[in-house]
């Protein structure tokens, strides 16, 4: 592990985080998660059974992955904090992906509510990973409040439109003192690679895999894309130029 992904005081080999919603069936979901190589799997705490009976999602995933409960469906800081506390008690984890939706049509995060909930949960000992906009100032404020990472959307949840504002994401990745994990909007593997090339520490995605014609194949493509994007970032891209520059020497040519 020469380039580990450090998050919340832990080290991970994979920089891909994956969701569990929207698959045609549970077995296909499990196969896709395995193909993705992800070690962190997010589950909606308000939409799953927390009981460990034989066919439950928690039972199927528990012990094999780090479960990251999320507060999807919450619209207020109060609801999100209560949901996080329920998840901590039921799943015995203090990690939470904090989602507070401010607009039901676009599923845009409510940043004002997010700031308050982050502060409350950090004080209560949670490792908070907030789903947020790409607003630099507000993301820096989340980091100041103790968020373990910031998770800006690339474009609206489930839209598959990729990274709408790569400049903002790259700037945020440069300035953020905590890892930046692109969350939402990924449509295909090249979107995931671009996020890492822009400097994101990781990517969280769900719909692009769950709704693909072949979720297992797309999950494997995402795994490879995240690796390729990270390697390209570390290798360093060449400068963009406004003119052509020959790759072969122009002196000493035959006949010159």
Foldseek 3Di string as FASTA:
>chain_A
DVDWQDFPNDTDPFQEEEEQPQAPDNVLSVLLVVLLSDQEYEYALVPFDLDCDDPGPCVVCPPRHHYAYEPPPAAALVSQLVSQVVCCVSVVALHYEYAHAPDPVQSAGDLVRVLVSLLVSVVVPHQYEYEHALPQVSLQSSVVSPHQEYEHELGGAPPLQARPDLVSLLVNLVPHPHAYEHEGNHQALQSQLSSLLSRGSHYYHYNNLRVDPRNNVRSNSNNVSNVNSNVPNVVDDDDDDPDDDDPDDPPPDPPD
